[in-house]
Amino acid sequence: MKLKALLTVTSLKKRLAQVLVMAVLFVSPLVGICQVPGPGGPPETPVPFDDNMNLVFLTAGVVFALIVSVRYFRKKATTTA
């Protein structure tokens, strides 16, 4: 009887620790975003690159996805044949 109660208490403590860690990890980005700006005020551009860089990143992502997909389907075709 006491063993079951002890196991329940330890599992409850473990679950509580997991919930606490999850809550801290969830709140930490919010705290990082909510920082007070420095003496110069908030920066004019929040990102250090211009509008054309978004297109470059989008193109690089699409090319990378195509390369990975082609490799996957070629490997799948050779293993099933």
Protein backbone atom coordinates (compact mmCIF):
# COMPACT_ATOMS: atom_id res chain seq x y z
CA MET A 1 0.00 0.00 0.00
CA LYS A 2 2.75 2.47 0.88
CA LEU A 3 4.72 1.59 -2.26
CA LYS A 4 1.82 2.59 -4.51
CA ALA A 5 1.43 5.86 -2.63
CA LEU A 6 5.17 6.52 -2.93
CA LEU A 7 5.13 5.83 -6.67
CA THR A 8 2.18 8.15 -7.11
CA VAL A 9 3.94 10.94 -5.22
CA THR A 10 7.16 10.56 -7.25
CA SER A 11 5.25 10.51 -10.53
CA LEU A 12 3.34 13.58 -9.41
CA LYS A 13 6.60 15.37 -8.59
CA LYS A 14 8.05 14.37 -11.95
CA ARG A 15 4.95 15.62 -13.79
CA LEU A 16 5.04 18.89 -11.82
CA ALA A 17 8.70 19.39 -12.73
CA GLN A 18 7.93 18.78 -16.42
CA VAL A 19 5.07 21.30 -16.35
CA LEU A 20 7.28 23.87 -14.62
CA VAL A 21 10.07 23.46 -17.19
CA MET A 22 7.56 23.67 -20.03
CA ALA A 23 6.09 26.88 -18.58
CA VAL A 24 9.54 28.47 -18.22
CA LEU A 25 10.46 27.54 -21.80
CA PHE A 26 7.16 28.95 -23.04
CA VAL A 27 7.55 32.28 -21.22
CA SER A 28 11.25 32.88 -21.93
CA PRO A 29 10.82 34.10 -25.55
CA LEU A 30 8.08 36.46 -24.42
CA VAL A 31 10.39 37.97 -21.81
CA GLY A 32 13.13 38.36 -24.41
CA ILE A 33 10.83 40.20 -26.81
CA CYS A 34 9.45 42.51 -24.12
CA GLN A 35 12.77 44.14 -23.26
CA VAL A 36 12.89 47.93 -22.91
CA PRO A 37 14.71 49.58 -25.85
CA GLY A 38 18.06 51.21 -25.24
CA PRO A 39 18.77 54.93 -24.88
CA GLY A 40 18.60 55.49 -28.65
CA GLY A 41 15.04 54.21 -28.84
CA PRO A 42 13.79 51.30 -30.91
CA PRO A 43 15.70 50.60 -34.14
CA GLU A 44 14.12 51.81 -37.35
CA THR A 45 14.44 48.46 -39.11
CA PRO A 46 14.00 45.40 -36.91
CA VAL A 47 15.76 43.11 -39.41
CA PRO A 48 19.31 43.69 -40.67
CA PHE A 49 18.55 42.85 -44.32
CA ASP A 50 16.50 44.43 -47.08
CA ASP A 51 13.31 43.27 -48.82
CA ASN A 52 15.12 41.41 -51.60
CA MET A 53 16.76 39.07 -49.11
CA ASN A 54 13.35 37.55 -48.35
CA LEU A 55 13.15 36.41 -51.98
CA VAL A 56 16.67 34.98 -51.76
CA PHE A 57 15.80 33.02 -48.62
CA LEU A 58 12.55 31.79 -50.18
CA THR A 59 14.38 30.63 -53.31
CA ALA A 60 17.08 28.90 -51.26
CA GLY A 61 14.41 27.10 -49.21
CA VAL A 62 12.55 25.88 -52.30
CA VAL A 63 15.78 24.68 -53.95
CA PHE A 64 16.81 22.86 -50.78
CA ALA A 65 13.38 21.21 -50.50
CA LEU A 66 13.59 20.07 -54.13
CA ILE A 67 17.07 18.59 -53.66
CA VAL A 68 16.03 16.73 -50.51
CA SER A 69 12.84 15.45 -52.17
CA VAL A 70 14.67 14.21 -55.26
CA ARG A 71 17.23 12.37 -53.13
CA TYR A 72 14.47 10.82 -51.02
CA PHE A 73 12.45 9.59 -53.97
CA ARG A 74 15.55 8.23 -55.77
CA LYS A 75 16.58 6.33 -52.65
CA LYS A 76 13.03 5.04 -52.16
CA ALA A 77 12.86 3.89 -55.80
CA THR A 78 16.14 1.96 -55.55
CA THR A 79 15.22 0.23 -52.28
CA THR A 80 11.78 -0.91 -53.50
CA ALA A 81 13.01 -2.14 -56.90
